Amino acid sequence: MPITKFLQEPKILDIQPVNTAKKAANLRKTHVPFSGSPHKHPYDTEKFILLVDPYHASLYYEFNNSDVEYAEELANIVNVNGETVNMVLIWVKKKSIAVRCSPFLVEDLAAPSAG
């Protein structure tokens, strides 16, 4: 069976590596690592979105650009259709304010038990 789709050239990351000389041991003291696929924020140029699992966008983080000290490129993910997704590991300053968005099931609140 002939190959009909080939791997595509990955897009340039929204976040570029800052300083490759930083040591992970020093970063762990002041920063926390997060991995995922970076995307531009839909309306705020000072922020970006990090999709944890790009093919099931059920959890994502929203960070301020200024809170990221360092970014490392990870291996790209390729799906069965040959589409590639960029993945990064970012180091975010501890005590930074960020947003974590995850889905939940909407249900009736449980009635208080009589007791």
PDB file of N, CA and C in Angstrom:
ATOM      1  N   MET A   1       0.855  -1.181   0.000  1.00  0.00           N
ATOM      2  CA  MET A   1       0.000   0.000   0.000  1.00  0.00           C
ATOM      3  C   MET A   1       0.899   1.241   0.000  1.00  0.00           C
ATOM      4  N   PRO A   2       0.736   2.133  -0.944  1.00  0.00           N
ATOM      5  CA  PRO A   2       1.588   3.323  -1.014  1.00  0.00           C
ATOM      6  C   PRO A   2       1.243   4.325   0.093  1.00  0.00           C
ATOM      7  N   ILE A   3       2.256   5.077   0.503  1.00  0.00           N
ATOM      8  CA  ILE A   3       2.062   6.126   1.505  1.00  0.00           C
ATOM      9  C   ILE A   3       1.454   7.334   0.805  1.00  0.00           C
ATOM     10  N   THR A   4       0.336   7.805   1.336  1.00  0.00           N
ATOM     11  CA  THR A   4      -0.338   8.935   0.699  1.00  0.00           C
ATOM     12  C   THR A   4      -0.124  10.233   1.447  1.00  0.00           C
ATOM     13  N   LYS A   5       0.299  10.159   2.717  1.00  0.00           N
ATOM     14  CA  LYS A   5       0.559  11.370   3.489  1.00  0.00           C
ATOM     15  C   LYS A   5       1.950  11.277   4.094  1.00  0.00           C
ATOM     16  N   PHE A   6       2.642  12.384   4.139  1.00  0.00           N
ATOM     17  CA  PHE A   6       3.975  12.435   4.696  1.00  0.00           C
ATOM     18  C   PHE A   6       3.979  13.353   5.911  1.00  0.00           C
ATOM     19  N   LEU A   7       5.016  13.211   6.725  1.00  0.00           N
ATOM     20  CA  LEU A   7       5.143  14.097   7.880  1.00  0.00           C
ATOM     21  C   LEU A   7       5.261  15.532   7.396  1.00  0.00           C
ATOM     22  N   GLN A   8       4.688  16.428   8.189  1.00  0.00           N
ATOM     23  CA  GLN A   8       4.709  17.836   7.825  1.00  0.00           C
ATOM     24  C   GLN A   8       5.770  18.561   8.635  1.00  0.00           C
ATOM     25  N   GLU A   9       6.241  19.662   8.103  1.00  0.00           N
ATOM     26  CA  GLU A   9       7.185  20.509   8.821  1.00  0.00           C
ATOM     27  C   GLU A   9       6.466  21.123  10.023  1.00  0.00           C
ATOM     28  N   PRO A  10       7.014  20.980  11.248  1.00  0.00           N
ATOM     29  CA  PRO A  10       6.325  21.550  12.406  1.00  0.00           C
ATOM     30  C   PRO A  10       6.341  23.072  12.378  1.00  0.00           C
ATOM     31  N   LYS A  11       5.321  23.660  12.977  1.00  0.00           N
ATOM     32  CA  LYS A  11       5.236  25.110  13.068  1.00  0.00           C
ATOM     33  C   LYS A  11       6.242  25.620  14.097  1.00  0.00           C
ATOM     34  N   ILE A  12       6.615  26.889  13.987  1.00  0.00           N
ATOM     35  CA  ILE A  12       7.518  27.497  14.961  1.00  0.00           C
ATOM     36  C   ILE A  12       6.768  27.676  16.272  1.00  0.00           C
ATOM     37  N   LEU A  13       7.437  27.384  17.369  1.00  0.00           N
ATOM     38  CA  LEU A  13       6.822  27.492  18.687  1.00  0.00           C
ATOM     39  C   LEU A  13       6.514  28.935  19.036  1.00  0.00           C
ATOM     40  N   ASP A  14       5.443  29.112  19.800  1.00  0.00           N
ATOM     41  CA  ASP A  14       5.114  30.439  20.300  1.00  0.00           C
ATOM     42  C   ASP A  14       6.148  30.885  21.332  1.00  0.00           C
ATOM     43  N   ILE A  15       6.747  29.921  22.018  1.00  0.00           N
ATOM     44  CA  ILE A  15       7.737  30.217  23.059  1.00  0.00           C
ATOM     45  C   ILE A  15       9.066  29.662  22.580  1.00  0.00           C
ATOM     46  N   GLN A  16      10.074  30.463  22.574  1.00  0.00           N
ATOM     47  CA  GLN A  16      11.396  30.017  22.171  1.00  0.00           C
ATOM     48  C   GLN A  16      12.269  29.812  23.415  1.00  0.00           C
ATOM     49  N   PRO A  17      13.214  28.880  23.361  1.00  0.00           N
ATOM     50  CA  PRO A  17      14.106  28.680  24.502  1.00  0.00           C
ATOM     51  C   PRO A  17      14.838  29.969  24.856  1.00  0.00           C
ATOM     52  N   VAL A  18      14.993  30.218  26.156  1.00  0.00           N
ATOM     53  CA  VAL A  18      15.589  31.465  26.610  1.00  0.00           C
ATOM     54  C   VAL A  18      17.087  31.320  26.832  1.00  0.00           C
ATOM     55  N   ASN A  19      17.471  30.366  27.666  1.00  0.00           N
ATOM     56  CA  ASN A  19      18.873  30.234  28.021  1.00  0.00           C
ATOM     57  C   ASN A  19      19.164  28.764  28.294  1.00  0.00           C
ATOM     58  N   THR A  20      19.868  28.098  27.402  1.00  0.00           N
ATOM     59  CA  THR A  20      20.121  26.671  27.553  1.00  0.00           C
ATOM     60  C   THR A  20      21.160  26.369  28.627  1.00  0.00           C
ATOM     61  N   ALA A  21      21.817  27.370  29.185  1.00  0.00           N
ATOM     62  CA  ALA A  21      22.838  27.156  30.205  1.00  0.00           C
ATOM     63  C   ALA A  21      22.251  26.944  31.600  1.00  0.00           C
ATOM     64  N   LYS A  22      20.959  27.198  31.758  1.00  0.00           N
ATOM     65  CA  LYS A  22      20.325  27.010  33.074  1.00  0.00           C
ATOM     66  C   LYS A  22      20.381  25.548  33.456  1.00  0.00           C
ATOM     67  N   LYS A  23      20.575  25.277  34.720  1.00  0.00           N
ATOM     68  CA  LYS A  23      20.602  23.897  35.189  1.00  0.00           C
ATOM     69  C   LYS A  23      19.264  23.548  35.809  1.00  0.00           C
ATOM     70  N   ALA A  24      18.812  22.307  35.554  1.00  0.00           N
ATOM     71  CA  ALA A  24      17.516  21.864  36.068  1.00  0.00           C
ATOM     72  C   ALA A  24      17.486  21.899  37.593  1.00  0.00           C
ATOM     73  N   ALA A  25      18.591  21.606  38.240  1.00  0.00           N
ATOM     74  CA  ALA A  25      18.618  21.608  39.711  1.00  0.00           C
ATOM     75  C   ALA A  25      18.321  23.005  40.260  1.00  0.00           C
ATOM     76  N   ASN A  26      18.871  24.022  39.632  1.00  0.00           N
ATOM     77  CA  ASN A  26      18.612  25.394  40.076  1.00  0.00           C
ATOM     78  C   ASN A  26      17.183  25.815  39.739  1.00  0.00           C
ATOM     79  N   LEU A  27      16.693  25.385  38.569  1.00  0.00           N
ATOM     80  CA  LEU A  27      15.329  25.740  38.181  1.00  0.00           C
ATOM     81  C   LEU A  27      14.308  25.128  39.134  1.00  0.00           C
ATOM     82  N   ARG A  28      14.544  23.901  39.595  1.00  0.00           N
ATOM     83  CA  ARG A  28      13.585  23.240  40.489  1.00  0.00           C
ATOM     84  C   ARG A  28      13.397  23.985  41.802  1.00  0.00           C
ATOM     85  N   LYS A  29      14.362  24.753  42.210  1.00  0.00           N
ATOM     86  CA  LYS A  29      14.241  25.522  43.455  1.00  0.00           C
ATOM     87  C   LYS A  29      13.255  26.677  43.312  1.00  0.00           C
ATOM     88  N   THR A  30      13.174  27.237  42.122  1.00  0.00           N
ATOM     89  CA  THR A  30      12.377  28.455  41.932  1.00  0.00           C
ATOM     90  C   THR A  30      11.263  28.333  40.905  1.00  0.00           C
ATOM     91  N   HIS A  31      11.208  27.202  40.182  1.00  0.00           N
ATOM     92  CA  HIS A  31      10.249  27.032  39.100  1.00  0.00           C
ATOM     93  C   HIS A  31       9.601  25.652  39.133  1.00  0.00           C
ATOM     94  N   VAL A  32       8.484  25.498  38.425  1.00  0.00           N
ATOM     95  CA  VAL A  32       7.766  24.235  38.312  1.00  0.00           C
ATOM     96  C   VAL A  32       7.629  23.908  36.829  1.00  0.00           C
ATOM     97  N   PRO A  33       7.928  22.645  36.421  1.00  0.00           N
ATOM     98  CA  PRO A  33       7.807  22.297  35.001  1.00  0.00           C
ATOM     99  C   PRO A  33       6.390  21.883  34.617  1.00  0.00           C
ATOM    100  N   PHE A  34       5.990  22.248  33.402  1.00  0.00           N
ATOM    101  CA  PHE A  34       4.712  21.845  32.806  1.00  0.00           C
ATOM    102  C   PHE A  34       5.008  21.450  31.367  1.00  0.00           C
ATOM    103  N   SER A  35       4.330  20.416  30.874  1.00  0.00           N
ATOM    104  CA  SER A  35       4.538  20.028  29.474  1.00  0.00           C
ATOM    105  C   SER A  35       3.207  20.033  28.735  1.00  0.00           C
ATOM    106  N   GLY A  36       3.289  20.309  27.455  1.00  0.00           N
ATOM    107  CA  GLY A  36       2.096  20.344  26.626  1.00  0.00           C
ATOM    108  C   GLY A  36       2.372  21.042  25.310  1.00  0.00           C
ATOM    109  N   SER A  37       1.294  21.343  24.612  1.00  0.00           N
ATOM    110  CA  SER A  37       1.380  22.015  23.323  1.00  0.00           C
ATOM    111  C   SER A  37       1.016  23.487  23.487  1.00  0.00           C
ATOM    112  N   PRO A  38       1.958  24.405  23.204  1.00  0.00           N
ATOM    113  CA  PRO A  38       1.688  25.832  23.399  1.00  0.00           C
ATOM    114  C   PRO A  38       0.855  26.430  22.265  1.00  0.00           C
ATOM    115  N   HIS A  39      -0.052  27.339  22.632  1.00  0.00           N
ATOM    116  CA  HIS A  39      -0.897  28.037  21.659  1.00  0.00           C
ATOM    117  C   HIS A  39      -1.051  29.488  22.085  1.00  0.00           C
ATOM    118  N   LYS A  40      -1.229  30.355  21.108  1.00  0.00           N
ATOM    119  CA  LYS A  40      -1.468  31.764  21.411  1.00  0.00           C
ATOM    120  C   LYS A  40      -2.789  31.908  22.141  1.00  0.00           C
ATOM    121  N   HIS A  41      -2.822  32.841  23.065  1.00  0.00           N
ATOM    122  CA  HIS A  41      -4.066  33.136  23.781  1.00  0.00           C
ATOM    123  C   HIS A  41      -5.014  33.806  22.797  1.00  0.00           C
ATOM    124  N   PRO A  42      -6.316  33.491  22.862  1.00  0.00           N
ATOM    125  CA  PRO A  42      -7.244  34.037  21.864  1.00  0.00           C
ATOM    126  C   PRO A  42      -7.391  35.550  21.864  1.00  0.00           C
ATOM    127  N   TYR A  43      -7.140  36.213  23.002  1.00  0.00           N
ATOM    128  CA  TYR A  43      -7.338  37.669  23.018  1.00  0.00           C
ATOM    129  C   TYR A  43      -6.300  38.443  23.829  1.00  0.00           C
ATOM    130  N   ASP A  44      -5.421  37.790  24.552  1.00  0.00           N
ATOM    131  CA  ASP A  44      -4.433  38.480  25.383  1.00  0.00           C
ATOM    132  C   ASP A  44      -3.027  38.097  24.925  1.00  0.00           C
ATOM    133  N   THR A  45      -2.301  39.061  24.366  1.00  0.00           N
ATOM    134  CA  THR A  45      -0.963  38.772  23.850  1.00  0.00           C
ATOM    135  C   THR A  45       0.067  38.565  24.956  1.00  0.00           C
ATOM    136  N   GLU A  46      -0.282  38.892  26.188  1.00  0.00           N
ATOM    137  CA  GLU A  46       0.631  38.718  27.321  1.00  0.00           C
ATOM    138  C   GLU A  46       0.522  37.322  27.935  1.00  0.00           C
ATOM    139  N   LYS A  47      -0.373  36.483  27.393  1.00  0.00           N
ATOM    140  CA  LYS A  47      -0.597  35.144  27.938  1.00  0.00           C
ATOM    141  C   LYS A  47      -0.552  34.112  26.821  1.00  0.00           C
ATOM    142  N   PHE A  48      -0.441  32.831  27.212  1.00  0.00           N
ATOM    143  CA  PHE A  48      -0.536  31.741  26.253  1.00  0.00           C
ATOM    144  C   PHE A  48      -1.236  30.556  26.913  1.00  0.00           C
ATOM    145  N   ILE A  49      -1.693  29.645  26.082  1.00  0.00           N
ATOM    146  CA  ILE A  49      -2.409  28.453  26.517  1.00  0.00           C
ATOM    147  C   ILE A  49      -1.484  27.248  26.327  1.00  0.00           C
ATOM    148  N   LEU A  50      -1.479  26.336  27.288  1.00  0.00           N
ATOM    149  CA  LEU A  50      -0.717  25.099  27.177  1.00  0.00           C
ATOM    150  C   LEU A  50      -1.689  23.933  27.272  1.00  0.00           C
ATOM    151  N   LEU A  51      -1.914  23.245  26.140  1.00  0.00           N
ATOM    152  CA  LEU A  51      -2.798  22.079  26.113  1.00  0.00           C
ATOM    153  C   LEU A  51      -2.013  20.867  26.591  1.00  0.00           C
ATOM    154  N   VAL A  52      -2.485  20.220  27.652  1.00  0.00           N
ATOM    155  CA  VAL A  52      -1.774  19.076  28.206  1.00  0.00           C
ATOM    156  C   VAL A  52      -1.799  17.911  27.220  1.00  0.00           C
ATOM    157  N   ASP A  53      -2.967  17.600  26.672  1.00  0.00           N
ATOM    158  CA  ASP A  53      -3.116  16.543  25.673  1.00  0.00           C
ATOM    159  C   ASP A  53      -3.785  17.169  24.456  1.00  0.00           C
ATOM    160  N   PRO A  54      -3.028  17.524  23.429  1.00  0.00           N
ATOM    161  CA  PRO A  54      -3.585  18.276  22.311  1.00  0.00           C
ATOM    162  C   PRO A  54      -4.685  17.571  21.527  1.00  0.00           C
ATOM    163  N   TYR A  55      -4.745  16.238  21.572  1.00  0.00           N
ATOM    164  CA  TYR A  55      -5.783  15.527  20.838  1.00  0.00           C
ATOM    165  C   TYR A  55      -7.053  15.334  21.651  1.00  0.00           C
ATOM    166  N   HIS A  56      -6.991  15.589  22.929  1.00  0.00           N
ATOM    167  CA  HIS A  56      -8.164  15.555  23.803  1.00  0.00           C
ATOM    168  C   HIS A  56      -8.074  16.790  24.682  1.00  0.00           C
ATOM    169  N   ALA A  57      -8.437  17.924  24.146  1.00  0.00           N
ATOM    170  CA  ALA A  57      -8.260  19.218  24.823  1.00  0.00           C
ATOM    171  C   ALA A  57      -9.190  19.346  26.019  1.00  0.00           C
ATOM    172  N   SER A  58      -9.035  18.440  26.977  1.00  0.00           N
ATOM    173  CA  SER A  58      -9.901  18.472  28.148  1.00  0.00           C
ATOM    174  C   SER A  58      -9.265  19.224  29.310  1.00  0.00           C
ATOM    175  N   LEU A  59      -7.975  19.403  29.292  1.00  0.00           N
ATOM    176  CA  LEU A  59      -7.292  20.127  30.355  1.00  0.00           C
ATOM    177  C   LEU A  59      -6.293  21.075  29.710  1.00  0.00           C
ATOM    178  N   TYR A  60      -6.331  22.340  30.138  1.00  0.00           N
ATOM    179  CA  TYR A  60      -5.321  23.265  29.653  1.00  0.00           C
ATOM    180  C   TYR A  60      -4.966  24.254  30.758  1.00  0.00           C
ATOM    181  N   TYR A  61      -3.788  24.850  30.595  1.00  0.00           N
ATOM    182  CA  TYR A  61      -3.304  25.878  31.515  1.00  0.00           C
ATOM    183  C   TYR A  61      -3.186  27.189  30.760  1.00  0.00           C
ATOM    184  N   GLU A  62      -3.351  28.274  31.483  1.00  0.00           N
ATOM    185  CA  GLU A  62      -3.170  29.612  30.928  1.00  0.00           C
ATOM    186  C   GLU A  62      -2.103  30.291  31.779  1.00  0.00           C
ATOM    187  N   PHE A  63      -0.996  30.685  31.152  1.00  0.00           N
ATOM    188  CA  PHE A  63       0.125  31.302  31.855  1.00  0.00           C
ATOM    189  C   PHE A  63       0.414  32.683  31.298  1.00  0.00           C
ATOM    190  N   ASN A  64       0.992  33.542  32.122  1.00  0.00           N
ATOM    191  CA  ASN A  64       1.537  34.816  31.657  1.00  0.00           C
ATOM    192  C   ASN A  64       2.895  34.536  31.019  1.00  0.00           C
ATOM    193  N   ASN A  65       3.163  35.166  29.893  1.00  0.00           N
ATOM    194  CA  ASN A  65       4.451  34.989  29.226  1.00  0.00           C
ATOM    195  C   ASN A  65       5.609  35.338  30.146  1.00  0.00           C
ATOM    196  N   SER A  66       5.451  36.361  30.954  1.00  0.00           N
ATOM    197  CA  SER A  66       6.537  36.834  31.813  1.00  0.00           C
ATOM    198  C   SER A  66       6.862  35.864  32.954  1.00  0.00           C
ATOM    199  N   ASP A  67       5.986  34.895  33.236  1.00  0.00           N
ATOM    200  CA  ASP A  67       6.229  33.935  34.316  1.00  0.00           C
ATOM    201  C   ASP A  67       7.044  32.728  33.864  1.00  0.00           C
ATOM    202  N   VAL A  68       7.298  32.611  32.558  1.00  0.00           N
ATOM    203  CA  VAL A  68       8.065  31.492  32.033  1.00  0.00           C
ATOM    204  C   VAL A  68       9.528  31.890  31.943  1.00  0.00           C
ATOM    205  N   GLU A  69      10.374  31.128  32.625  1.00  0.00           N
ATOM    206  CA  GLU A  69      11.811  31.403  32.627  1.00  0.00           C
ATOM    207  C   GLU A  69      12.521  30.670  31.493  1.00  0.00           C
ATOM    208  N   TYR A  70      12.067  29.461  31.206  1.00  0.00           N
ATOM    209  CA  TYR A  70      12.801  28.601  30.290  1.00  0.00           C
ATOM    210  C   TYR A  70      11.831  27.660  29.583  1.00  0.00           C
ATOM    211  N   ALA A  71      12.103  27.348  28.323  1.00  0.00           N
ATOM    212  CA  ALA A  71      11.282  26.408  27.557  1.00  0.00           C
ATOM    213  C   ALA A  71      12.182  25.452  26.788  1.00  0.00           C
ATOM    214  N   GLU A  72      11.814  24.172  26.814  1.00  0.00           N
ATOM    215  CA  GLU A  72      12.559  23.152  26.083  1.00  0.00           C
ATOM    216  C   GLU A  72      11.628  22.511  25.065  1.00  0.00           C
ATOM    217  N   GLU A  73      12.120  22.282  23.864  1.00  0.00           N
ATOM    218  CA  GLU A  73      11.333  21.563  22.867  1.00  0.00           C
ATOM    219  C   GLU A  73      11.356  20.083  23.219  1.00  0.00           C
ATOM    220  N   LEU A  74      10.182  19.451  23.162  1.00  0.00           N
ATOM    221  CA  LEU A  74      10.074  18.011  23.338  1.00  0.00           C
ATOM    222  C   LEU A  74       9.802  17.390  21.973  1.00  0.00           C
ATOM    223  N   ALA A  75       9.756  16.081  21.914  1.00  0.00           N
ATOM    224  CA  ALA A  75       9.444  15.400  20.660  1.00  0.00           C
ATOM    225  C   ALA A  75       8.030  15.769  20.218  1.00  0.00           C
ATOM    226  N   ASN A  76       7.854  16.020  18.920  1.00  0.00           N
ATOM    227  CA  ASN A  76       6.534  16.327  18.379  1.00  0.00           C
ATOM    228  C   ASN A  76       5.672  15.071  18.382  1.00  0.00           C
ATOM    229  N   ILE A  77       4.366  15.269  18.463  1.00  0.00           N
ATOM    230  CA  ILE A  77       3.416  14.165  18.381  1.00  0.00           C
ATOM    231  C   ILE A  77       2.880  14.144  16.957  1.00  0.00           C
ATOM    232  N   VAL A  78       2.781  12.941  16.385  1.00  0.00           N
ATOM    233  CA  VAL A  78       2.249  12.778  15.026  1.00  0.00           C
ATOM    234  C   VAL A  78       1.059  11.839  15.099  1.00  0.00           C
ATOM    235  N   ASN A  79      -0.074  12.251  14.530  1.00  0.00           N
ATOM    236  CA  ASN A  79      -1.244  11.366  14.536  1.00  0.00           C
ATOM    237  C   ASN A  79      -1.249  10.494  13.280  1.00  0.00           C
ATOM    238  N   VAL A  80      -2.257   9.625  13.152  1.00  0.00           N
ATOM    239  CA  VAL A  80      -2.315   8.696  12.017  1.00  0.00           C
ATOM    240  C   VAL A  80      -2.512   9.406  10.684  1.00  0.00           C
ATOM    241  N   ASN A  81      -2.981  10.649  10.699  1.00  0.00           N
ATOM    242  CA  ASN A  81      -3.159  11.422   9.468  1.00  0.00           C
ATOM    243  C   ASN A  81      -1.897  12.173   9.064  1.00  0.00           C
ATOM    244  N   GLY A  82      -0.816  12.026   9.837  1.00  0.00           N
ATOM    245  CA  GLY A  82       0.438  12.698   9.521  1.00  0.00           C
ATOM    246  C   GLY A  82       0.519  14.130  10.011  1.00  0.00           C
ATOM    247  N   GLU A  83      -0.443  14.573  10.817  1.00  0.00           N
ATOM    248  CA  GLU A  83      -0.424  15.930  11.359  1.00  0.00           C
ATOM    249  C   GLU A  83       0.458  15.955  12.600  1.00  0.00           C
ATOM    250  N   THR A  84       1.299  16.984  12.699  1.00  0.00           N
ATOM    251  CA  THR A  84       2.212  17.079  13.839  1.00  0.00           C
ATOM    252  C   THR A  84       1.753  18.157  14.816  1.00  0.00           C
ATOM    253  N   VAL A  85       2.089  17.943  16.086  1.00  0.00           N
ATOM    254  CA  VAL A  85       1.787  18.903  17.139  1.00  0.00           C
ATOM    255  C   VAL A  85       3.079  19.152  17.913  1.00  0.00           C
ATOM    256  N   ASN A  86       3.448  20.414  18.072  1.00  0.00           N
ATOM    257  CA  ASN A  86       4.634  20.770  18.842  1.00  0.00           C
ATOM    258  C   ASN A  86       4.383  20.570  20.324  1.00  0.00           C
ATOM    259  N   MET A  87       5.376  20.028  21.027  1.00  0.00           N
ATOM    260  CA  MET A  87       5.296  19.835  22.467  1.00  0.00           C
ATOM    261  C   MET A  87       6.495  20.525  23.109  1.00  0.00           C
ATOM    262  N   VAL A  88       6.260  21.114  24.278  1.00  0.00           N
ATOM    263  CA  VAL A  88       7.325  21.804  25.001  1.00  0.00           C
ATOM    264  C   VAL A  88       7.255  21.470  26.481  1.00  0.00           C
ATOM    265  N   LEU A  89       8.366  21.680  27.149  1.00  0.00           N
ATOM    266  CA  LEU A  89       8.431  21.643  28.603  1.00  0.00           C
ATOM    267  C   LEU A  89       8.776  23.064  29.022  1.00  0.00           C
ATOM    268  N   ILE A  90       7.911  23.682  29.805  1.00  0.00           N
ATOM    269  CA  ILE A  90       8.160  25.055  30.246  1.00  0.00           C
ATOM    270  C   ILE A  90       8.395  25.066  31.747  1.00  0.00           C
ATOM    271  N   TRP A  91       9.166  26.011  32.199  1.00  0.00           N
ATOM    272  CA  TRP A  91       9.457  26.200  33.618  1.00  0.00           C
ATOM    273  C   TRP A  91       8.825  27.513  34.051  1.00  0.00           C
ATOM    274  N   VAL A  92       7.843  27.424  34.938  1.00  0.00           N
ATOM    275  CA  VAL A  92       7.072  28.582  35.389  1.00  0.00           C
ATOM    276  C   VAL A  92       7.494  28.933  36.810  1.00  0.00           C
ATOM    277  N   LYS A  93       7.650  30.232  37.074  1.00  0.00           N
ATOM    278  CA  LYS A  93       8.040  30.700  38.404  1.00  0.00           C
ATOM    279  C   LYS A  93       7.053  30.236  39.465  1.00  0.00           C
ATOM    280  N   LYS A  94       7.587  29.773  40.588  1.00  0.00           N
ATOM    281  CA  LYS A  94       6.723  29.398  41.703  1.00  0.00           C
ATOM    282  C   LYS A  94       5.990  30.637  42.203  1.00  0.00           C
ATOM    283  N   LYS A  95       4.792  30.456  42.712  1.00  0.00           N
ATOM    284  CA  LYS A  95       3.914  31.510  43.251  1.00  0.00           C
ATOM    285  C   LYS A  95       3.314  32.385  42.153  1.00  0.00           C
ATOM    286  N   SER A  96       3.467  32.003  40.881  1.00  0.00           N
ATOM    287  CA  SER A  96       2.827  32.743  39.795  1.00  0.00           C
ATOM    288  C   SER A  96       1.338  32.418  39.782  1.00  0.00           C
ATOM    289  N   ILE A  97       0.545  33.362  39.335  1.00  0.00           N
ATOM    290  CA  ILE A  97      -0.895  33.137  39.187  1.00  0.00           C
ATOM    291  C   ILE A  97      -1.143  32.595  37.786  1.00  0.00           C
ATOM    292  N   ALA A  98      -1.832  31.450  37.710  1.00  0.00           N
ATOM    293  CA  ALA A  98      -2.162  30.820  36.426  1.00  0.00           C
ATOM    294  C   ALA A  98      -3.587  30.299  36.518  1.00  0.00           C
ATOM    295  N   VAL A  99      -4.110  29.852  35.384  1.00  0.00           N
ATOM    296  CA  VAL A  99      -5.461  29.298  35.337  1.00  0.00           C
ATOM    297  C   VAL A  99      -5.357  27.853  34.869  1.00  0.00           C
ATOM    298  N   ARG A 100      -6.041  26.954  35.592  1.00  0.00           N
ATOM    299  CA  ARG A 100      -6.147  25.553  35.174  1.00  0.00           C
ATOM    300  C   ARG A 100      -7.605  25.301  34.838  1.00  0.00           C
ATOM    301  N   CYS A 101      -7.867  24.851  33.641  1.00  0.00           N
ATOM    302  CA  CYS A 101      -9.229  24.600  33.202  1.00  0.00           C
ATOM    303  C   CYS A 101      -9.393  23.111  32.936  1.00  0.00           C
ATOM    304  N   SER A 102     -10.360  22.512  33.612  1.00  0.00           N
ATOM    305  CA  SER A 102     -10.634  21.091  33.396  1.00  0.00           C
ATOM    306  C   SER A 102     -12.144  20.869  33.383  1.00  0.00           C
ATOM    307  N   PRO A 103     -12.606  19.885  32.646  1.00  0.00           N
ATOM    308  CA  PRO A 103     -14.049  19.639  32.558  1.00  0.00           C
ATOM    309  C   PRO A 103     -14.583  18.973  33.823  1.00  0.00           C
ATOM    310  N   PHE A 104     -15.873  19.111  34.032  1.00  0.00           N
ATOM    311  CA  PHE A 104     -16.531  18.430  35.142  1.00  0.00           C
ATOM    312  C   PHE A 104     -17.955  18.108  34.724  1.00  0.00           C
ATOM    313  N   LEU A 105     -18.563  17.179  35.439  1.00  0.00           N
ATOM    314  CA  LEU A 105     -19.915  16.747  35.146  1.00  0.00           C
ATOM    315  C   LEU A 105     -20.882  17.573  35.978  1.00  0.00           C
ATOM    316  N   VAL A 106     -21.833  18.202  35.323  1.00  0.00           N
ATOM    317  CA  VAL A 106     -22.831  19.014  36.019  1.00  0.00           C
ATOM    318  C   VAL A 106     -23.937  18.085  36.510  1.00  0.00           C
ATOM    319  N   GLU A 107     -24.174  18.109  37.806  1.00  0.00           N
ATOM    320  CA  GLU A 107     -25.210  17.272  38.408  1.00  0.00           C
ATOM    321  C   GLU A 107     -25.922  18.062  39.500  1.00  0.00           C
ATOM    322  N   ASP A 108     -27.063  17.548  39.924  1.00  0.00           N
ATOM    323  CA  ASP A 108     -27.770  18.149  41.043  1.00  0.00           C
ATOM    324  C   ASP A 108     -26.923  18.018  42.294  1.00  0.00           C
ATOM    325  N   LEU A 109     -27.006  19.037  43.127  1.00  0.00           N
ATOM    326  CA  LEU A 109     -26.325  18.938  44.414  1.00  0.00           C
ATOM    327  C   LEU A 109     -27.051  17.921  45.286  1.00  0.00           C
ATOM    328  N   ALA A 110     -26.309  17.178  46.047  1.00  0.00           N
ATOM    329  CA  ALA A 110     -26.919  16.183  46.938  1.00  0.00           C
ATOM    330  C   ALA A 110     -27.656  16.894  48.046  1.00  0.00           C
ATOM    331  N   ALA A 111     -28.859  16.385  48.342  1.00  0.00           N
ATOM    332  CA  ALA A 111     -29.654  16.949  49.432  1.00  0.00           C
ATOM    333  C   ALA A 111     -28.972  16.654  50.755  1.00  0.00           C
ATOM    334  N   PRO A 112     -28.975  17.629  51.683  1.00  0.00           N
ATOM    335  CA  PRO A 112     -28.333  17.367  52.975  1.00  0.00           C
ATOM    336  C   PRO A 112     -29.049  16.214  53.690  1.00  0.00           C
ATOM    337  N   SER A 113     -28.257  15.368  54.305  1.00  0.00           N
ATOM    338  CA  SER A 113     -28.870  14.210  54.980  1.00  0.00           C
ATOM    339  C   SER A 113     -29.497  14.642  56.290  1.00  0.00           C
ATOM    340  N   ALA A 114     -30.671  14.061  56.580  1.00  0.00           N
ATOM    341  CA  ALA A 114     -31.358  14.347  57.839  1.00  0.00           C
ATOM    342  C   ALA A 114     -30.760  13.445  58.894  1.00  0.00           C
ATOM    343  N   GLY A 115     -30.284  14.033  59.907  1.00  0.00           N
ATOM    344  CA  GLY A 115     -29.661  13.156  60.881  1.00  0.00           C
ATOM    345  C   GLY A 115     -29.574  13.718  62.176  1.00  0.00           C
TER     346      GLY A 115
END
